[in-house]
Amino acid sequence: MEQASRTENGHFRNPVLPGCHPDPSICRVGADYYLVTSTFEWFPGVPIFHSRDLVHWRQLGHVLDRPSQLDLDGLAPSAGVYAPTIRHHDGVFYLITTLVDGGGNFIVTATDPAGPWSDPHWLPTTRGIDPSLFFDDDGTAWVVGTREKTQGRYPGDTEIWLRRLDGLTPVGEERIIWEAVQRRGIWSEGPHLYRIGDWYYLLTSEGGTARDHAVMIARSRDIAGPYEPDPRNPILTNRHKGREHSIACTGHADLVQTQEGEWWMVLLATRPYGGDFANLGRETFLTPVTWEDGWPVVGEVTESRRSPALTPHR
């Protein structure tokens, strides 16, 4: 079915993926954009979408569409697949995610994003959720993720860990590179690494996935840190907007640069009504990003925005 146009008079409508599409992750290959979202206890797992303009998205299929890839038998609700990250390197697409009450973190690969995708390569030496992949300019690959501290100071006290990859296998020393920015902040999670110029940037979310959700960023000259936080953190949140605001729970974001040089952020948010209730769950929104003094400045997440400087592609 052809998707209706989401652009009018040079503006687009949010959310760009209406309905239950949480935890978006995005990558660009040339003029093509690919996006994945969480599916939790549902099969098939991890829908994958394609776009040429960041606004109109067409589903290509599912990354995890065979029982050999995703065995959900006996798993309770919310115990399935969380927070996938999609990346592309040297002609191969990589997706990393977590089967929470199954085998833990795993990677699948494909040369065609429409599939077929490989069976999982499990990472038994890692612990936690929300893993992400980063390929450095020299080809070195890294995996980063989040987990609760073994001796947490309070429930939801988490840390961000980093490991190098040899092929698809974590090797070498594990490094703890980050924790929540806000004092007693909960669930510092959803980490993504980027190299922009001479800086490594670490993007995270914290505050939980409800109304206190927020996006934080830090940077370092060395991938292993130490990372310094942006003095303007959080760079995105709607927690101060109040219960009557039309968009809530903004967070769990990923960044992408267009072939025209613009920066954009995909993120989850909700459209509540009647107080806290969001009947469509967590949806995928899009918002612009500019840069000042070496830090990203994220535009307000609104129902209508100027469209990316890309040819509309329904």
C-alpha atoms as a PDB file:
ATOM      1  CA  MET A   1       0.000   0.000   0.000  1.00  0.00           C
ATOM      2  CA  GLU A   2       1.318   3.424  -0.888  1.00  0.00           C
ATOM      3  CA  GLN A   3       1.925   5.629   2.129  1.00  0.00           C
ATOM      4  CA  ALA A   4       0.011   8.901   2.159  1.00  0.00           C
ATOM      5  CA  SER A   5       2.136  12.012   1.885  1.00  0.00           C
ATOM      6  CA  ARG A   6       3.360  13.277   5.253  1.00  0.00           C
ATOM      7  CA  THR A   7       4.634  16.558   3.788  1.00  0.00           C
ATOM      8  CA  GLU A   8       2.812  19.766   2.956  1.00  0.00           C
ATOM      9  CA  ASN A   9       4.163  23.221   2.094  1.00  0.00           C
ATOM     10  CA  GLY A  10       7.716  22.162   2.897  1.00  0.00           C
ATOM     11  CA  HIS A  11       6.803  20.736   6.318  1.00  0.00           C
ATOM     12  CA  PHE A  12       6.329  17.190   7.622  1.00  0.00           C
ATOM     13  CA  ARG A  13       4.037  15.730  10.264  1.00  0.00           C
ATOM     14  CA  ASN A  14       5.205  13.931  13.401  1.00  0.00           C
ATOM     15  CA  PRO A  15       5.298  11.113  14.264  1.00  0.00           C
ATOM     16  CA  VAL A  16       6.948   9.858  11.088  1.00  0.00           C
ATOM     17  CA  LEU A  17       6.139   6.284  12.181  1.00  0.00           C
ATOM     18  CA  PRO A  18       2.775   6.395  13.960  1.00  0.00           C
ATOM     19  CA  GLY A  19       1.745   3.564  16.234  1.00  0.00           C
ATOM     20  CA  CYS A  20       3.859   1.292  18.408  1.00  0.00           C
ATOM     21  CA  HIS A  21       7.372   1.904  17.056  1.00  0.00           C
ATOM     22  CA  PRO A  22       9.626   2.432  20.100  1.00  0.00           C
ATOM     23  CA  ASP A  23      13.417   2.728  20.442  1.00  0.00           C
ATOM     24  CA  PRO A  24      14.230   3.810  16.864  1.00  0.00           C
ATOM     25  CA  SER A  25      17.728   3.354  15.460  1.00  0.00           C
ATOM     26  CA  ILE A  26      18.823   4.658  12.064  1.00  0.00           C
ATOM     27  CA  CYS A  27      21.691   4.461   9.592  1.00  0.00           C
ATOM     28  CA  ARG A  28      22.352   5.968   6.160  1.00  0.00           C
ATOM     29  CA  VAL A  29      23.930   4.258   3.153  1.00  0.00           C
ATOM     30  CA  GLY A  30      24.380   6.795   0.373  1.00  0.00           C
ATOM     31  CA  ALA A  31      20.952   8.310  -0.274  1.00  0.00           C
ATOM     32  CA  ASP A  32      19.094   5.507   1.535  1.00  0.00           C
ATOM     33  CA  TYR A  33      18.020   5.485   5.176  1.00  0.00           C
ATOM     34  CA  TYR A  34      17.191   2.398   7.221  1.00  0.00           C
ATOM     35  CA  LEU A  35      15.394   2.355  10.565  1.00  0.00           C
ATOM     36  CA  VAL A  36      14.513  -0.372  13.081  1.00  0.00           C
ATOM     37  CA  THR A  37      12.414  -0.431  16.253  1.00  0.00           C
ATOM     38  CA  SER A  38      11.763  -2.737  19.224  1.00  0.00           C
ATOM     39  CA  THR A  39       9.192  -5.538  19.166  1.00  0.00           C
ATOM     40  CA  PHE A  40       9.478  -7.001  22.707  1.00  0.00           C
ATOM     41  CA  GLU A  41       7.485 -10.271  22.943  1.00  0.00           C
ATOM     42  CA  TRP A  42       6.052 -10.222  19.398  1.00  0.00           C
ATOM     43  CA  PHE A  43       7.048 -12.333  16.399  1.00  0.00           C
ATOM     44  CA  PRO A  44       8.328 -11.643  13.795  1.00  0.00           C
ATOM     45  CA  GLY A  45      10.831  -9.334  15.438  1.00  0.00           C
ATOM     46  CA  VAL A  46      12.375  -5.948  14.631  1.00  0.00           C
ATOM     47  CA  PRO A  47      10.659  -4.345  11.626  1.00  0.00           C
ATOM     48  CA  ILE A  48      13.033  -2.637   9.208  1.00  0.00           C
ATOM     49  CA  PHE A  49      12.010   0.435   7.227  1.00  0.00           C
ATOM     50  CA  HIS A  50      13.502   2.281   4.248  1.00  0.00           C
ATOM     51  CA  SER A  51      13.291   5.983   3.348  1.00  0.00           C
ATOM     52  CA  ARG A  52      14.869   8.457   0.965  1.00  0.00           C
ATOM     53  CA  ASP A  53      13.629  11.605   2.733  1.00  0.00           C
ATOM     54  CA  LEU A  54      13.494  10.678   6.469  1.00  0.00           C
ATOM     55  CA  VAL A  55       9.753  11.361   6.476  1.00  0.00           C
ATOM     56  CA  HIS A  56       8.101   8.692   4.306  1.00  0.00           C
ATOM     57  CA  TRP A  57       9.001   5.167   5.400  1.00  0.00           C
ATOM     58  CA  ARG A  58       8.284   1.827   3.718  1.00  0.00           C
ATOM     59  CA  GLN A  59       8.603  -1.400   5.648  1.00  0.00           C
ATOM     60  CA  LEU A  60      10.952  -3.895   3.970  1.00  0.00           C
ATOM     61  CA  GLY A  61      10.092  -6.746   6.303  1.00  0.00           C
ATOM     62  CA  HIS A  62      11.421  -7.990   9.637  1.00  0.00           C
ATOM     63  CA  VAL A  63      15.013  -8.659  10.624  1.00  0.00           C
ATOM     64  CA  LEU A  64      14.062 -11.612  12.849  1.00  0.00           C
ATOM     65  CA  ASP A  65      11.551 -13.598  10.811  1.00  0.00           C
ATOM     66  CA  ARG A  66      12.563 -17.233  11.502  1.00  0.00           C
ATOM     67  CA  PRO A  67      12.191 -19.279  14.691  1.00  0.00           C
ATOM     68  CA  SER A  68      15.907 -20.130  14.423  1.00  0.00           C
ATOM     69  CA  GLN A  69      16.642 -16.437  14.905  1.00  0.00           C
ATOM     70  CA  LEU A  70      14.060 -15.674  17.579  1.00  0.00           C
ATOM     71  CA  ASP A  71      12.579 -18.280  19.897  1.00  0.00           C
ATOM     72  CA  LEU A  72      10.001 -16.562  22.095  1.00  0.00           C
ATOM     73  CA  ASP A  73       8.303 -19.685  23.413  1.00  0.00           C
ATOM     74  CA  GLY A  74       7.588 -19.360  27.109  1.00  0.00           C
ATOM     75  CA  LEU A  75       8.801 -15.767  27.421  1.00  0.00           C
ATOM     76  CA  ALA A  76       6.670 -13.417  29.492  1.00  0.00           C
ATOM     77  CA  PRO A  77       5.483 -10.027  28.188  1.00  0.00           C
ATOM     78  CA  SER A  78       8.275  -7.428  28.096  1.00  0.00           C
ATOM     79  CA  ALA A  79      10.881 -10.198  28.223  1.00  0.00           C
ATOM     80  CA  GLY A  80      11.662 -10.265  24.516  1.00  0.00           C
ATOM     81  CA  VAL A  81      13.603  -8.083  22.080  1.00  0.00           C
ATOM     82  CA  TYR A  82      14.661  -4.635  23.285  1.00  0.00           C
ATOM     83  CA  ALA A  83      16.315  -1.623  21.668  1.00  0.00           C
ATOM     84  CA  PRO A  84      17.924  -2.782  18.408  1.00  0.00           C
ATOM     85  CA  THR A  85      20.715  -0.762  16.804  1.00  0.00           C
ATOM     86  CA  ILE A  86      21.345  -0.862  13.047  1.00  0.00           C
ATOM     87  CA  ARG A  87      24.695   0.070  11.486  1.00  0.00           C
ATOM     88  CA  HIS A  88      26.401  -0.415   8.092  1.00  0.00           C
ATOM     89  CA  HIS A  89      30.095  -1.069   7.511  1.00  0.00           C
ATOM     90  CA  ASP A  90      32.019  -2.241   4.423  1.00  0.00           C
ATOM     91  CA  GLY A  91      28.944  -3.407   2.553  1.00  0.00           C
ATOM     92  CA  VAL A  92      27.392  -5.294   5.482  1.00  0.00           C
ATOM     93  CA  PHE A  93      24.417  -4.351   7.646  1.00  0.00           C
ATOM     94  CA  TYR A  94      24.727  -5.171  11.334  1.00  0.00           C
ATOM     95  CA  LEU A  95      21.911  -5.311  13.864  1.00  0.00           C
ATOM     96  CA  ILE A  96      22.569  -5.787  17.555  1.00  0.00           C
ATOM     97  CA  THR A  97      19.881  -6.218  20.191  1.00  0.00           C
ATOM     98  CA  THR A  98      18.929  -8.144  23.336  1.00  0.00           C
ATOM     99  CA  LEU A  99      16.632 -11.080  23.975  1.00  0.00           C
ATOM    100  CA  VAL A 100      16.117 -10.092  27.585  1.00  0.00           C
ATOM    101  CA  ASP A 101      15.003 -13.402  29.118  1.00  0.00           C
ATOM    102  CA  GLY A 102      16.644 -15.507  26.409  1.00  0.00           C
ATOM    103  CA  GLY A 103      20.286 -15.636  25.414  1.00  0.00           C
ATOM    104  CA  GLY A 104      21.111 -11.973  26.052  1.00  0.00           C
ATOM    105  CA  ASN A 105      22.883  -9.775  23.514  1.00  0.00           C
ATOM    106  CA  PHE A 106      23.343 -10.893  19.906  1.00  0.00           C
ATOM    107  CA  ILE A 107      24.270  -9.657  16.421  1.00  0.00           C
ATOM    108  CA  VAL A 108      22.739 -10.555  13.058  1.00  0.00           C
ATOM    109  CA  THR A 109      24.082  -9.462   9.662  1.00  0.00           C
ATOM    110  CA  ALA A 110      22.891  -9.068   6.070  1.00  0.00           C
ATOM    111  CA  THR A 111      24.168  -7.669   2.787  1.00  0.00           C
ATOM    112  CA  ASP A 112      20.613  -6.731   1.778  1.00  0.00           C
ATOM    113  CA  PRO A 113      18.574  -4.916   4.461  1.00  0.00           C
ATOM    114  CA  ALA A 114      15.429  -6.627   3.152  1.00  0.00           C
ATOM    115  CA  GLY A 115      17.047  -9.930   4.128  1.00  0.00           C
ATOM    116  CA  PRO A 116      17.756 -12.659   4.618  1.00  0.00           C
ATOM    117  CA  TRP A 117      19.484 -11.850   7.894  1.00  0.00           C
ATOM    118  CA  SER A 118      21.804 -14.351   9.544  1.00  0.00           C
ATOM    119  CA  ASP A 119      21.060 -16.452  12.588  1.00  0.00           C
ATOM    120  CA  PRO A 120      22.193 -14.775  15.829  1.00  0.00           C
ATOM    121  CA  HIS A 121      25.808 -14.535  16.882  1.00  0.00           C
ATOM    122  CA  TRP A 122      25.461 -14.488  20.667  1.00  0.00           C
ATOM    123  CA  LEU A 123      27.700 -12.361  22.893  1.00  0.00           C
ATOM    124  CA  PRO A 124      27.761 -14.369  26.136  1.00  0.00           C
ATOM    125  CA  THR A 125      30.627 -12.334  27.580  1.00  0.00           C
ATOM    126  CA  THR A 126      28.498  -9.180  27.709  1.00  0.00           C
ATOM    127  CA  ARG A 127      25.808  -8.396  30.255  1.00  0.00           C
ATOM    128  CA  GLY A 128      22.947  -5.928  30.161  1.00  0.00           C
ATOM    129  CA  ILE A 129      20.649  -4.378  27.565  1.00  0.00           C
ATOM    130  CA  ASP A 130      20.519  -1.741  24.808  1.00  0.00           C
ATOM    131  CA  PRO A 131      23.750  -2.713  23.033  1.00  0.00           C
ATOM    132  CA  SER A 132      25.014  -0.573  20.157  1.00  0.00           C
ATOM    133  CA  LEU A 133      27.793  -0.947  17.587  1.00  0.00           C
ATOM    134  CA  PHE A 134      30.386   1.595  16.506  1.00  0.00           C
ATOM    135  CA  PHE A 135      32.874   1.277  13.644  1.00  0.00           C
ATOM    136  CA  ASP A 136      35.784   3.705  13.946  1.00  0.00           C
ATOM    137  CA  ASP A 137      37.531   5.340  10.999  1.00  0.00           C
ATOM    138  CA  ASP A 138      40.359   2.786  11.191  1.00  0.00           C
ATOM    139  CA  GLY A 139      37.868  -0.102  10.988  1.00  0.00           C
ATOM    140  CA  THR A 140      38.030  -0.987  14.681  1.00  0.00           C
ATOM    141  CA  ALA A 141      34.661  -2.175  15.938  1.00  0.00           C
ATOM    142  CA  TRP A 142      33.241  -1.579  19.401  1.00  0.00           C
ATOM    143  CA  VAL A 143      30.155  -2.625  21.342  1.00  0.00           C
ATOM    144  CA  VAL A 144      28.629  -0.429  24.029  1.00  0.00           C
ATOM    145  CA  GLY A 145      25.693  -1.178  26.307  1.00  0.00           C
ATOM    146  CA  THR A 146      24.020  -0.516  29.629  1.00  0.00           C
ATOM    147  CA  ARG A 147      23.350  -2.544  32.770  1.00  0.00           C
ATOM    148  CA  GLU A 148      22.382  -2.099  36.385  1.00  0.00           C
ATOM    149  CA  LYS A 149      25.344  -1.744  38.703  1.00  0.00           C
ATOM    150  CA  THR A 150      26.137  -4.794  40.833  1.00  0.00           C
ATOM    151  CA  GLN A 151      26.216  -2.514  43.876  1.00  0.00           C
ATOM    152  CA  GLY A 152      23.767   0.168  42.826  1.00  0.00           C
ATOM    153  CA  ARG A 153      23.027   3.059  45.129  1.00  0.00           C
ATOM    154  CA  TYR A 154      19.312   2.921  44.262  1.00  0.00           C
ATOM    155  CA  PRO A 155      16.981   0.960  41.929  1.00  0.00           C
ATOM    156  CA  GLY A 156      17.738   1.798  38.311  1.00  0.00           C
ATOM    157  CA  ASP A 157      21.332   2.916  39.010  1.00  0.00           C
ATOM    158  CA  THR A 158      23.033   1.930  35.754  1.00  0.00           C
ATOM    159  CA  GLU A 159      26.394   2.166  34.000  1.00  0.00           C
ATOM    160  CA  ILE A 160      27.513   2.260  30.366  1.00  0.00           C
ATOM    161  CA  TRP A 161      30.175  -0.290  29.387  1.00  0.00           C
ATOM    162  CA  LEU A 162      32.462  -0.545  26.328  1.00  0.00           C
ATOM    163  CA  ARG A 163      34.247  -3.525  24.712  1.00  0.00           C
ATOM    164  CA  ARG A 164      36.269  -3.927  21.518  1.00  0.00           C
ATOM    165  CA  LEU A 165      35.131  -6.466  18.939  1.00  0.00           C
ATOM    166  CA  ASP A 166      37.293  -8.924  17.027  1.00  0.00           C
ATOM    167  CA  GLY A 167      34.981  -9.873  14.202  1.00  0.00           C
ATOM    168  CA  LEU A 168      31.741 -10.387  16.104  1.00  0.00           C
ATOM    169  CA  THR A 169      33.389 -11.439  19.364  1.00  0.00           C
ATOM    170  CA  PRO A 170      34.000  -9.065  22.311  1.00  0.00           C
ATOM    171  CA  VAL A 171      37.671  -9.084  23.313  1.00  0.00           C
ATOM    172  CA  GLY A 172      39.965  -7.227  25.660  1.00  0.00           C
ATOM    173  CA  GLU A 173      39.229  -5.182  28.718  1.00  0.00           C
ATOM    174  CA  GLU A 174      35.740  -4.009  29.537  1.00  0.00           C
ATOM    175  CA  ARG A 175      35.607  -0.316  30.395  1.00  0.00           C
ATOM    176  CA  ILE A 176      32.924   1.537  32.327  1.00  0.00           C
ATOM    177  CA  ILE A 177      32.646   4.883  30.537  1.00  0.00           C
ATOM    178  CA  TRP A 178      29.469   6.554  31.820  1.00  0.00           C
ATOM    179  CA  GLU A 179      26.561   6.721  34.261  1.00  0.00           C
ATOM    180  CA  ALA A 180      23.525   8.965  34.711  1.00  0.00           C
ATOM    181  CA  VAL A 181      24.097  12.714  34.399  1.00  0.00           C
ATOM    182  CA  GLN A 182      21.315  13.762  36.743  1.00  0.00           C
ATOM    183  CA  ARG A 183      21.859  13.124  40.434  1.00  0.00           C
ATOM    184  CA  ARG A 184      20.099   9.864  41.295  1.00  0.00           C
ATOM    185  CA  GLY A 185      19.026   9.631  37.654  1.00  0.00           C
ATOM    186  CA  ILE A 186      17.611   6.246  36.721  1.00  0.00           C
ATOM    187  CA  TRP A 187      18.261   4.039  33.698  1.00  0.00           C
ATOM    188  CA  SER A 188      21.104   5.652  31.833  1.00  0.00           C
ATOM    189  CA  GLU A 189      20.527   3.574  28.715  1.00  0.00           C
ATOM    190  CA  GLY A 190      20.194   3.491  24.931  1.00  0.00           C
ATOM    191  CA  PRO A 191      23.866   4.459  24.337  1.00  0.00           C
ATOM    192  CA  HIS A 192      25.185   5.260  20.861  1.00  0.00           C
ATOM    193  CA  LEU A 193      28.725   6.270  19.883  1.00  0.00           C
ATOM    194  CA  TYR A 194      29.671   8.578  16.992  1.00  0.00           C
ATOM    195  CA  ARG A 195      32.931  10.041  15.765  1.00  0.00           C
ATOM    196  CA  ILE A 196      32.474  13.607  14.540  1.00  0.00           C
ATOM    197  CA  GLY A 197      35.671  15.440  13.709  1.00  0.00           C
ATOM    198  CA  ASP A 198      38.206  14.794  16.457  1.00  0.00           C
ATOM    199  CA  TRP A 199      35.584  13.968  19.078  1.00  0.00           C
ATOM    200  CA  TYR A 200      33.847  10.789  20.142  1.00  0.00           C
ATOM    201  CA  TYR A 201      30.281  11.519  21.209  1.00  0.00           C
ATOM    202  CA  LEU A 202      28.262   9.315  23.553  1.00  0.00           C
ATOM    203  CA  LEU A 203      24.494   9.784  23.285  1.00  0.00           C
ATOM    204  CA  THR A 204      22.348   8.291  26.066  1.00  0.00           C
ATOM    205  CA  SER A 205      18.890   8.543  27.570  1.00  0.00           C
ATOM    206  CA  GLU A 206      17.915   8.499  31.223  1.00  0.00           C
ATOM    207  CA  GLY A 207      15.006   9.073  33.566  1.00  0.00           C
ATOM    208  CA  GLY A 208      13.042   6.006  32.475  1.00  0.00           C
ATOM    209  CA  THR A 209      10.841   5.793  29.393  1.00  0.00           C
ATOM    210  CA  ALA A 210       7.845   7.657  30.842  1.00  0.00           C
ATOM    211  CA  ARG A 211       7.406  11.398  31.373  1.00  0.00           C
ATOM    212  CA  ASP A 212      10.884  11.924  32.878  1.00  0.00           C
ATOM    213  CA  HIS A 213      12.623  10.583  29.768  1.00  0.00           C
ATOM    214  CA  ALA A 214      15.543  12.758  28.594  1.00  0.00           C
ATOM    215  CA  VAL A 215      18.468  12.660  26.152  1.00  0.00           C
ATOM    216  CA  MET A 216      22.025  13.389  27.315  1.00  0.00           C
ATOM    217  CA  ILE A 217      25.330  13.694  25.466  1.00  0.00           C
ATOM    218  CA  ALA A 218      29.009  13.635  26.384  1.00  0.00           C
ATOM    219  CA  ARG A 219      32.263  13.732  24.410  1.00  0.00           C
ATOM    220  CA  SER A 220      35.886  12.621  24.619  1.00  0.00           C
ATOM    221  CA  ARG A 221      39.046  12.683  22.499  1.00  0.00           C
ATOM    222  CA  ASP A 222      39.532   8.988  23.341  1.00  0.00           C
ATOM    223  CA  ILE A 223      36.829   6.385  22.752  1.00  0.00           C
ATOM    224  CA  ALA A 224      37.506   4.911  26.187  1.00  0.00           C
ATOM    225  CA  GLY A 225      37.043   8.289  27.869  1.00  0.00           C
ATOM    226  CA  PRO A 226      36.966  10.112  30.104  1.00  0.00           C
ATOM    227  CA  TYR A 227      33.785  11.667  28.713  1.00  0.00           C
ATOM    228  CA  GLU A 228      32.771  15.208  29.592  1.00  0.00           C
ATOM    229  CA  PRO A 229      29.053  16.014  29.699  1.00  0.00           C
ATOM    230  CA  ASP A 230      27.489  18.753  27.644  1.00  0.00           C
ATOM    231  CA  PRO A 231      26.962  21.635  30.111  1.00  0.00           C
ATOM    232  CA  ARG A 232      23.494  22.113  28.587  1.00  0.00           C
ATOM    233  CA  ASN A 233      22.290  18.571  29.333  1.00  0.00           C
ATOM    234  CA  PRO A 234      19.646  17.349  28.846  1.00  0.00           C
ATOM    235  CA  ILE A 235      19.766  18.223  25.171  1.00  0.00           C
ATOM    236  CA  LEU A 236      16.192  16.993  24.753  1.00  0.00           C
ATOM    237  CA  THR A 237      13.310  16.402  27.154  1.00  0.00           C
ATOM    238  CA  ASN A 238       9.627  17.247  27.500  1.00  0.00           C
ATOM    239  CA  ARG A 239       9.437  16.400  31.185  1.00  0.00           C
ATOM    240  CA  HIS A 240       9.038  20.082  32.033  1.00  0.00           C
ATOM    241  CA  LYS A 241       6.074  20.563  29.665  1.00  0.00           C
ATOM    242  CA  GLY A 242       3.359  19.316  32.007  1.00  0.00           C
ATOM    243  CA  ARG A 243       0.627  16.740  31.616  1.00  0.00           C
ATOM    244  CA  GLU A 244      -1.409  18.749  29.124  1.00  0.00           C
ATOM    245  CA  HIS A 245       1.331  18.944  26.502  1.00  0.00           C
ATOM    246  CA  SER A 246       0.563  17.030  23.310  1.00  0.00           C
ATOM    247  CA  ILE A 247       3.942  15.204  23.080  1.00  0.00           C
ATOM    248  CA  ALA A 248       5.545  13.436  26.048  1.00  0.00           C
ATOM    249  CA  CYS A 249       8.231  10.906  27.021  1.00  0.00           C
ATOM    250  CA  THR A 250      10.798  12.145  24.440  1.00  0.00           C
ATOM    251  CA  GLY A 251      13.969  10.052  24.496  1.00  0.00           C
ATOM    252  CA  HIS A 252      15.870   6.970  23.303  1.00  0.00           C
ATOM    253  CA  ALA A 253      17.352   8.744  20.299  1.00  0.00           C
ATOM    254  CA  ASP A 254      19.767   8.154  17.429  1.00  0.00           C
ATOM    255  CA  LEU A 255      21.539  10.664  15.165  1.00  0.00           C
ATOM    256  CA  VAL A 256      22.017  10.672  11.400  1.00  0.00           C
ATOM    257  CA  GLN A 257      23.699  13.098   8.977  1.00  0.00           C
ATOM    258  CA  THR A 258      22.149  13.478   5.536  1.00  0.00           C
ATOM    259  CA  GLN A 259      24.105  13.504   2.298  1.00  0.00           C
ATOM    260  CA  GLU A 260      23.314  17.234   2.213  1.00  0.00           C
ATOM    261  CA  GLY A 261      25.128  17.772   5.526  1.00  0.00           C
ATOM    262  CA  GLU A 262      22.082  18.257   7.760  1.00  0.00           C
ATOM    263  CA  TRP A 263      21.790  16.464  11.096  1.00  0.00           C
ATOM    264  CA  TRP A 264      18.566  14.888  12.329  1.00  0.00           C
ATOM    265  CA  MET A 265      17.492  12.902  15.364  1.00  0.00           C
ATOM    266  CA  VAL A 266      15.002  10.033  15.488  1.00  0.00           C
ATOM    267  CA  LEU A 267      13.501   9.353  18.891  1.00  0.00           C
ATOM    268  CA  LEU A 268      10.555   7.840  20.674  1.00  0.00           C
ATOM    269  CA  ALA A 269       7.755   9.900  22.161  1.00  0.00           C
ATOM    270  CA  THR A 270       4.085   9.508  23.024  1.00  0.00           C
ATOM    271  CA  ARG A 271       0.927  11.461  22.277  1.00  0.00           C
ATOM    272  CA  PRO A 272      -1.014  11.206  25.554  1.00  0.00           C
ATOM    273  CA  TYR A 273      -4.607  12.142  26.083  1.00  0.00           C
ATOM    274  CA  GLY A 274      -6.594  12.290  29.274  1.00  0.00           C
ATOM    275  CA  GLY A 275      -3.505  12.710  31.431  1.00  0.00           C
ATOM    276  CA  ASP A 276      -0.988   9.845  31.254  1.00  0.00           C
ATOM    277  CA  PHE A 277      -2.650   7.493  28.813  1.00  0.00           C
ATOM    278  CA  ALA A 278      -1.055   7.100  25.348  1.00  0.00           C
ATOM    279  CA  ASN A 279      -3.300   4.856  23.312  1.00  0.00           C
ATOM    280  CA  LEU A 280      -0.785   4.302  20.488  1.00  0.00           C
ATOM    281  CA  GLY A 281       2.191   3.646  22.748  1.00  0.00           C
ATOM    282  CA  ARG A 282       5.670   4.932  21.956  1.00  0.00           C
ATOM    283  CA  GLU A 283       5.994   6.229  18.400  1.00  0.00           C
ATOM    284  CA  THR A 284       8.934   7.348  16.224  1.00  0.00           C
ATOM    285  CA  PHE A 285       9.424  11.104  15.854  1.00  0.00           C
ATOM    286  CA  LEU A 286      11.929  13.204  13.891  1.00  0.00           C
ATOM    287  CA  THR A 287      13.520  16.512  14.857  1.00  0.00           C
ATOM    288  CA  PRO A 288      16.389  18.644  13.472  1.00  0.00           C
ATOM    289  CA  VAL A 289      19.819  19.057  15.054  1.00  0.00           C
ATOM    290  CA  THR A 290      22.311  21.909  14.658  1.00  0.00           C
ATOM    291  CA  TRP A 291      25.748  22.313  16.225  1.00  0.00           C
ATOM    292  CA  GLU A 292      27.106  25.082  18.454  1.00  0.00           C
ATOM    293  CA  ASP A 293      30.508  25.125  20.181  1.00  0.00           C
ATOM    294  CA  GLY A 294      31.035  21.473  19.374  1.00  0.00           C
ATOM    295  CA  TRP A 295      27.742  20.339  20.903  1.00  0.00           C
ATOM    296  CA  PRO A 296      24.423  19.328  19.280  1.00  0.00           C
ATOM    297  CA  VAL A 297      21.423  21.593  19.717  1.00  0.00           C
ATOM    298  CA  VAL A 298      18.223  19.582  19.300  1.00  0.00           C
ATOM    299  CA  GLY A 299      15.112  21.243  17.943  1.00  0.00           C
ATOM    300  CA  GLU A 300      11.877  21.038  19.877  1.00  0.00           C
ATOM    301  CA  VAL A 301       9.830  17.965  19.027  1.00  0.00           C
ATOM    302  CA  THR A 302       6.668  19.320  17.436  1.00  0.00           C
ATOM    303  CA  GLU A 303       3.741  18.012  15.430  1.00  0.00           C
ATOM    304  CA  SER A 304       4.928  19.890  12.321  1.00  0.00           C
ATOM    305  CA  ARG A 305       8.464  20.761  11.240  1.00  0.00           C
ATOM    306  CA  ARG A 306      10.364  22.033   8.238  1.00  0.00           C
ATOM    307  CA  SER A 307      11.176  19.040   6.096  1.00  0.00           C
ATOM    308  CA  PRO A 308      14.741  17.803   5.569  1.00  0.00           C
ATOM    309  CA  ALA A 309      16.548  19.216   2.533  1.00  0.00           C
ATOM    310  CA  LEU A 310      15.890  15.992   0.643  1.00  0.00           C
ATOM    311  CA  THR A 311      13.629  15.338  -2.312  1.00  0.00           C
ATOM    312  CA  PRO A 312      10.263  14.065  -1.006  1.00  0.00           C
ATOM    313  CA  HIS A 313      10.060  10.349  -1.764  1.00  0.00           C
ATOM    314  CA  ARG A 314       6.723   8.653  -1.083  1.00  0.00           C
END
